[in-house]
Amino acid sequence: MQDRSSKVHSKVTIRGMFGPTLPASSTETAPEEKTQRRMSTEPPYKVILHNDDHTPMDHVVKALRKVIPRMSLKRAVSIMLEAHTKGQAVATKCHKELAELYQEGLKAEGLVATIEPD
């Protein structure tokens, strides 16, 4: 029969995917891995809204705010007025894939939009 007074100790470890094996009760933290952020070599693109004589101004403002996230009402009105008076206006600048997405979204709303490198 086994003596109840003897204690059984087991060592529990946590094995990290990238770090060293540490005891489960350790208060030490594994050293952080150094990561490098890659800078995009691709130039930013401009999303250009073009004026047309058919689309109501309020629709243009609503479409800009719907398609381009975080576009304020004031900024959308300013872009719409610039496109109306000057023929075109830069709606936003961003990387190419996002510019293409915004262009397609504006076209889906019935607006004329193009993109070009900045």
C-alpha atoms as a PDB file:
ATOM      1  CA  MET A   1       0.000   0.000   0.000  1.00  0.00           C
ATOM      2  CA  GLN A   2       1.284   3.483  -0.855  1.00  0.00           C
ATOM      3  CA  ASP A   3       1.929   6.035   1.850  1.00  0.00           C
ATOM      4  CA  ARG A   4      -0.536   8.923   1.649  1.00  0.00           C
ATOM      5  CA  SER A   5       1.928  11.352   3.153  1.00  0.00           C
ATOM      6  CA  SER A   6       4.252  11.215   0.170  1.00  0.00           C
ATOM      7  CA  LYS A   7       3.489  13.907  -2.389  1.00  0.00           C
ATOM      8  CA  VAL A   8       3.620  13.369  -6.086  1.00  0.00           C
ATOM      9  CA  HIS A   9       5.158  16.231  -8.052  1.00  0.00           C
ATOM     10  CA  SER A  10       4.831  16.533 -11.768  1.00  0.00           C
ATOM     11  CA  LYS A  11       6.426  19.136 -13.924  1.00  0.00           C
ATOM     12  CA  VAL A  12       4.004  20.814 -16.312  1.00  0.00           C
ATOM     13  CA  THR A  13       5.507  22.715 -19.187  1.00  0.00           C
ATOM     14  CA  ILE A  14       4.103  24.919 -21.877  1.00  0.00           C
ATOM     15  CA  ARG A  15       5.695  24.521 -25.235  1.00  0.00           C
ATOM     16  CA  GLY A  16       5.305  27.553 -27.432  1.00  0.00           C
ATOM     17  CA  MET A  17       5.132  27.275 -31.158  1.00  0.00           C
ATOM     18  CA  PHE A  18       7.975  29.736 -31.659  1.00  0.00           C
ATOM     19  CA  GLY A  19       9.411  30.290 -28.210  1.00  0.00           C
ATOM     20  CA  PRO A  20      11.321  28.257 -25.642  1.00  0.00           C
ATOM     21  CA  THR A  21       9.684  25.743 -23.320  1.00  0.00           C
ATOM     22  CA  LEU A  22       8.735  27.431 -20.045  1.00  0.00           C
ATOM     23  CA  PRO A  23       7.431  26.001 -16.792  1.00  0.00           C
ATOM     24  CA  ALA A  24       3.669  26.551 -16.489  1.00  0.00           C
ATOM     25  CA  SER A  25       4.053  28.551 -13.294  1.00  0.00           C
ATOM     26  CA  SER A  26       6.861  30.733 -14.609  1.00  0.00           C
ATOM     27  CA  THR A  27       6.373  34.494 -14.518  1.00  0.00           C
ATOM     28  CA  GLU A  28       9.040  35.013 -17.121  1.00  0.00           C
ATOM     29  CA  THR A  29       7.977  35.947 -20.620  1.00  0.00           C
ATOM     30  CA  ALA A  30       9.532  34.607 -23.747  1.00  0.00           C
ATOM     31  CA  PRO A  31      11.629  37.125 -25.680  1.00  0.00           C
ATOM     32  CA  GLU A  32       9.693  38.885 -28.387  1.00  0.00           C
ATOM     33  CA  GLU A  33      10.422  38.025 -31.965  1.00  0.00           C
ATOM     34  CA  LYS A  34      11.576  40.938 -34.028  1.00  0.00           C
ATOM     35  CA  THR A  35       9.345  41.601 -37.012  1.00  0.00           C
ATOM     36  CA  GLN A  36       9.985  43.913 -39.863  1.00  0.00           C
ATOM     37  CA  ARG A  37       7.302  45.912 -41.590  1.00  0.00           C
ATOM     38  CA  ARG A  38       7.676  45.897 -45.325  1.00  0.00           C
ATOM     39  CA  MET A  39       7.128  49.216 -46.994  1.00  0.00           C
ATOM     40  CA  SER A  40       5.120  49.136 -50.159  1.00  0.00           C
ATOM     41  CA  THR A  41       7.114  50.100 -53.212  1.00  0.00           C
ATOM     42  CA  GLU A  42       3.902  50.634 -55.126  1.00  0.00           C
ATOM     43  CA  PRO A  43       2.925  54.300 -55.492  1.00  0.00           C
ATOM     44  CA  PRO A  44      -0.373  55.436 -53.989  1.00  0.00           C
ATOM     45  CA  TYR A  45      -3.275  55.776 -56.400  1.00  0.00           C
ATOM     46  CA  LYS A  46      -5.800  58.583 -56.693  1.00  0.00           C
ATOM     47  CA  VAL A  47      -9.481  57.786 -57.031  1.00  0.00           C
ATOM     48  CA  ILE A  48     -10.826  60.543 -59.268  1.00  0.00           C
ATOM     49  CA  LEU A  49     -14.507  61.423 -59.372  1.00  0.00           C
ATOM     50  CA  HIS A  50     -15.604  62.963 -62.683  1.00  0.00           C
ATOM     51  CA  ASN A  51     -18.517  65.330 -63.159  1.00  0.00           C
ATOM     52  CA  ASP A  52     -21.550  64.281 -65.142  1.00  0.00           C
ATOM     53  CA  ASP A  53     -24.662  66.276 -65.936  1.00  0.00           C
ATOM     54  CA  HIS A  54     -27.139  63.565 -64.985  1.00  0.00           C
ATOM     55  CA  THR A  55     -26.470  62.486 -61.392  1.00  0.00           C
ATOM     56  CA  PRO A  56     -28.130  64.532 -58.629  1.00  0.00           C
ATOM     57  CA  MET A  57     -25.675  66.125 -56.194  1.00  0.00           C
ATOM     58  CA  ASP A  58     -27.225  64.504 -53.130  1.00  0.00           C
ATOM     59  CA  HIS A  59     -26.792  61.061 -54.713  1.00  0.00           C
ATOM     60  CA  VAL A  60     -23.089  61.782 -55.330  1.00  0.00           C
ATOM     61  CA  VAL A  61     -22.603  62.717 -51.664  1.00  0.00           C
ATOM     62  CA  LYS A  62     -24.449  59.607 -50.455  1.00  0.00           C
ATOM     63  CA  ALA A  63     -22.484  57.357 -52.832  1.00  0.00           C
ATOM     64  CA  LEU A  64     -19.129  58.777 -51.709  1.00  0.00           C
ATOM     65  CA  ARG A  65     -20.012  58.184 -48.063  1.00  0.00           C
ATOM     66  CA  LYS A  66     -21.311  54.688 -48.800  1.00  0.00           C
ATOM     67  CA  VAL A  67     -18.341  53.518 -50.870  1.00  0.00           C
ATOM     68  CA  ILE A  68     -15.409  55.199 -49.089  1.00  0.00           C
ATOM     69  CA  PRO A  69     -15.319  54.348 -45.371  1.00  0.00           C
ATOM     70  CA  ARG A  70     -15.015  57.157 -42.812  1.00  0.00           C
ATOM     71  CA  MET A  71     -15.860  59.824 -45.405  1.00  0.00           C
ATOM     72  CA  SER A  72     -17.401  62.752 -43.548  1.00  0.00           C
ATOM     73  CA  LEU A  73     -20.415  64.607 -44.896  1.00  0.00           C
ATOM     74  CA  LYS A  74     -18.363  67.784 -45.142  1.00  0.00           C
ATOM     75  CA  ARG A  75     -15.608  66.057 -47.147  1.00  0.00           C
ATOM     76  CA  ALA A  76     -18.118  64.326 -49.463  1.00  0.00           C
ATOM     77  CA  VAL A  77     -19.848  67.643 -50.199  1.00  0.00           C
ATOM     78  CA  SER A  78     -16.477  69.301 -50.869  1.00  0.00           C
ATOM     79  CA  ILE A  79     -15.460  66.545 -53.324  1.00  0.00           C
ATOM     80  CA  MET A  80     -18.839  66.696 -55.059  1.00  0.00           C
ATOM     81  CA  LEU A  81     -18.645  70.490 -55.456  1.00  0.00           C
ATOM     82  CA  GLU A  82     -15.074  70.345 -56.769  1.00  0.00           C
ATOM     83  CA  ALA A  83     -16.025  67.708 -59.347  1.00  0.00           C
ATOM     84  CA  HIS A  84     -19.076  69.775 -60.315  1.00  0.00           C
ATOM     85  CA  THR A  85     -17.168  73.045 -60.759  1.00  0.00           C
ATOM     86  CA  LYS A  86     -13.787  71.808 -62.024  1.00  0.00           C
ATOM     87  CA  GLY A  87     -14.831  68.663 -63.871  1.00  0.00           C
ATOM     88  CA  GLN A  88     -13.091  66.232 -61.542  1.00  0.00           C
ATOM     89  CA  ALA A  89     -11.929  65.803 -57.941  1.00  0.00           C
ATOM     90  CA  VAL A  90      -9.657  63.421 -56.053  1.00  0.00           C
ATOM     91  CA  ALA A  91     -11.942  61.464 -53.743  1.00  0.00           C
ATOM     92  CA  THR A  92      -9.148  59.630 -51.917  1.00  0.00           C
ATOM     93  CA  LYS A  93      -5.605  58.268 -52.217  1.00  0.00           C
ATOM     94  CA  CYS A  94      -4.765  54.687 -51.318  1.00  0.00           C
ATOM     95  CA  HIS A  95      -3.016  51.555 -52.586  1.00  0.00           C
ATOM     96  CA  LYS A  96      -4.003  50.191 -55.998  1.00  0.00           C
ATOM     97  CA  GLU A  97      -6.275  47.325 -54.918  1.00  0.00           C
ATOM     98  CA  LEU A  98      -8.317  49.559 -52.649  1.00  0.00           C
ATOM     99  CA  ALA A  99      -8.474  52.277 -55.320  1.00  0.00           C
ATOM    100  CA  GLU A 100      -9.881  49.709 -57.767  1.00  0.00           C
ATOM    101  CA  LEU A 101     -12.443  48.631 -55.184  1.00  0.00           C
ATOM    102  CA  TYR A 102     -13.559  52.238 -54.610  1.00  0.00           C
ATOM    103  CA  GLN A 103     -13.684  52.873 -58.363  1.00  0.00           C
ATOM    104  CA  GLU A 104     -15.943  49.866 -58.917  1.00  0.00           C
ATOM    105  CA  GLY A 105     -18.122  50.855 -55.967  1.00  0.00           C
ATOM    106  CA  LEU A 106     -18.597  54.373 -57.305  1.00  0.00           C
ATOM    107  CA  LYS A 107     -19.360  53.021 -60.781  1.00  0.00           C
ATOM    108  CA  ALA A 108     -21.938  50.658 -59.255  1.00  0.00           C
ATOM    109  CA  GLU A 109     -23.609  53.750 -57.786  1.00  0.00           C
ATOM    110  CA  GLY A 110     -23.820  55.288 -61.271  1.00  0.00           C
ATOM    111  CA  LEU A 111     -20.869  57.667 -60.920  1.00  0.00           C
ATOM    112  CA  VAL A 112     -17.922  58.152 -63.254  1.00  0.00           C
ATOM    113  CA  ALA A 113     -14.624  57.386 -61.506  1.00  0.00           C
ATOM    114  CA  THR A 114     -11.095  56.569 -62.624  1.00  0.00           C
ATOM    115  CA  ILE A 115      -7.843  55.763 -60.852  1.00  0.00           C
ATOM    116  CA  GLU A 116      -4.292  56.850 -61.607  1.00  0.00           C
ATOM    117  CA  PRO A 117      -0.928  56.718 -59.827  1.00  0.00           C
ATOM    118  CA  ASP A 118      -0.264  59.712 -57.612  1.00  0.00           C
END
